[in-house]
Amino acid sequence: MIGAMKGMAMRRLMVLGLVVALAACGDNGGDPVMADNRQEPETGATAAVSKLDEGLRNGVFEKAIRASGAACPSVTGSDRAEISPGVRGWKAQCDNGSAHLIQILSDGTAKVTSRTH
C-alpha cells in the first residue's frame, strides 16, 4: 500500500513538473483552450498538456506510462479519446505494441490504464 502511494505521488510530481516546465516554454498570448464538442474547458495541467506539440506530449505520456509500471520504450503516437463517458483523455501507442489510455487531471495527476492483447 505504501509503495503504491509513493508511486502515485512520484507520478504526480513528475507529470506536474514536466507540464509546468514545458508550459513555460510556450507563448502566453494565445486564446484560451476550448475543448471539442463544447465540453467543459480544460484547466491546469490538463490544459497545458493539450497545448503541447505532439512530440512533447508523447514524451510526457511516455514518462507517465513508465511511472505507472508499464513497459513503454517509446510513445509513437497519441490521439484524443473519450476514455469513459464524458471523460476525455488520450490514447497513447508505444513502439512495443502496447496501448494506454491516459487522463491528466488538472492537478497534474496522470491516470494510466494499460491494455494488453
Protein backbone atom coordinates (compact mmCIF):
# COMPACT_ATOMS: atom_id res chain seq x y z
CA MET A 1 0.00 0.00 0.00
CA ILE A 2 2.78 2.44 0.92
CA GLY A 3 4.67 1.56 -2.25
CA ALA A 4 1.61 2.28 -4.38
CA MET A 5 1.11 5.63 -2.64
CA LYS A 6 4.75 6.56 -3.22
CA GLY A 7 4.41 5.60 -6.88
CA MET A 8 1.30 7.74 -7.30
CA ALA A 9 2.94 10.72 -5.60
CA MET A 10 6.06 10.30 -7.71
CA ARG A 11 3.99 10.09 -10.90
CA ARG A 12 2.07 13.22 -9.95
CA LEU A 13 5.28 15.16 -9.28
CA MET A 14 6.93 14.00 -12.49
CA VAL A 15 3.99 14.91 -14.72
CA LEU A 16 3.32 18.19 -12.95
CA GLY A 17 7.00 19.18 -13.17
CA LEU A 18 7.16 18.33 -16.86
CA VAL A 19 3.95 20.16 -17.65
CA VAL A 20 4.98 23.30 -15.77
CA ALA A 21 8.42 23.31 -17.37
CA LEU A 22 7.05 22.73 -20.86
CA ALA A 23 4.22 25.23 -20.45
CA ALA A 24 6.77 27.92 -19.54
CA CYS A 25 8.32 27.44 -22.99
CA GLY A 26 5.11 28.30 -24.85
CA ASP A 27 3.67 31.72 -25.61
CA ASN A 28 1.26 33.23 -23.11
CA GLY A 29 -0.69 35.39 -25.56
CA GLY A 30 -2.87 32.72 -27.16
CA ASP A 31 -6.57 32.18 -26.90
CA PRO A 32 -7.89 30.04 -24.07
CA VAL A 33 -8.10 26.33 -24.80
CA MET A 34 -11.56 25.25 -25.88
CA ALA A 35 -12.34 21.55 -25.71
CA ASP A 36 -14.03 19.79 -28.61
CA ASN A 37 -17.80 19.21 -28.55
CA ARG A 38 -18.38 22.12 -26.16
CA GLN A 39 -17.34 20.17 -23.11
CA GLU A 40 -16.09 21.98 -20.02
CA PRO A 41 -12.90 23.94 -20.68
CA GLU A 42 -9.75 22.15 -19.65
CA THR A 43 -7.77 23.71 -16.82
CA GLY A 44 -4.44 23.30 -15.05
CA ALA A 45 -2.14 20.54 -16.18
CA THR A 46 -4.84 19.12 -18.47
CA ALA A 47 -4.88 22.34 -20.50
CA ALA A 48 -1.09 22.56 -20.51
CA VAL A 49 -0.73 19.03 -21.92
CA SER A 50 -3.40 19.78 -24.55
CA LYS A 51 -1.34 22.76 -25.77
CA LEU A 52 1.88 20.76 -26.24
CA ASP A 53 3.02 19.74 -29.69
CA GLU A 54 2.80 16.00 -30.35
CA GLY A 55 6.47 15.25 -29.66
CA LEU A 56 6.50 16.92 -26.25
CA ARG A 57 3.10 15.46 -25.35
CA ASN A 58 4.28 11.96 -26.26
CA GLY A 59 7.32 12.48 -24.01
CA VAL A 60 5.04 13.40 -21.09
CA PHE A 61 2.89 10.33 -21.77
CA GLU A 62 5.95 8.07 -22.04
CA LYS A 63 7.11 9.17 -18.57
CA ALA A 64 3.61 8.77 -17.11
CA ILE A 65 3.27 5.26 -18.57
CA ARG A 66 6.66 4.21 -17.21
CA ALA A 67 5.86 5.72 -13.80
CA SER A 68 2.72 3.54 -13.73
CA GLY A 69 4.94 0.47 -14.00
CA ALA A 70 4.03 -0.42 -17.59
CA ALA A 71 6.69 -1.06 -20.21
CA CYS A 72 6.87 1.58 -22.93
CA PRO A 73 10.23 2.11 -24.63
CA SER A 74 8.84 4.99 -26.70
CA VAL A 75 5.43 6.54 -27.43
CA THR A 76 4.97 6.55 -31.20
CA GLY A 77 1.67 8.41 -31.31
CA SER A 78 -1.16 9.81 -29.26
CA ASP A 79 -4.71 10.80 -30.09
CA ARG A 80 -7.53 12.40 -28.12
CA ALA A 81 -10.03 9.82 -26.93
CA GLU A 82 -13.07 9.53 -24.72
CA ILE A 83 -11.70 7.21 -22.05
CA SER A 84 -15.02 6.86 -20.23
CA PRO A 85 -18.41 8.53 -20.77
CA GLY A 86 -17.84 12.28 -20.61
CA VAL A 87 -14.13 11.96 -19.76
CA ARG A 88 -11.63 12.99 -22.40
CA GLY A 89 -8.03 11.91 -22.38
CA TRP A 90 -5.56 10.42 -24.82
CA LYS A 91 -4.77 7.03 -26.29
CA ALA A 92 -1.01 6.54 -26.46
CA GLN A 93 0.61 3.85 -28.62
CA CYS A 94 4.05 2.52 -27.69
CA ASP A 95 6.62 1.04 -30.05
CA ASN A 96 6.40 -2.31 -28.21
CA GLY A 97 2.77 -2.70 -29.37
CA SER A 98 1.16 -1.71 -26.07
CA ALA A 99 -1.61 0.88 -25.89
CA HIS A 100 -2.53 3.04 -22.92
CA LEU A 101 -5.38 5.38 -22.03
CA ILE A 102 -4.20 8.46 -20.17
CA GLN A 103 -6.17 11.04 -18.27
CA ILE A 104 -4.33 14.11 -16.99
CA LEU A 105 -6.17 15.69 -14.08
CA SER A 106 -5.98 19.44 -13.56
CA ASP A 107 -3.67 18.92 -10.54
CA GLY A 108 -1.09 17.07 -12.66
CA THR A 109 -2.00 13.52 -11.69
CA ALA A 110 -1.81 11.07 -14.60
CA LYS A 111 -4.22 8.16 -14.58
CA VAL A 112 -2.86 5.45 -16.87
CA THR A 113 -4.94 2.46 -17.93
CA SER A 114 -2.89 -0.08 -19.85
CA ARG A 115 -4.41 -2.53 -22.30
CA THR A 116 -2.87 -5.88 -23.10
CA HIS A 117 -3.80 -8.06 -26.04
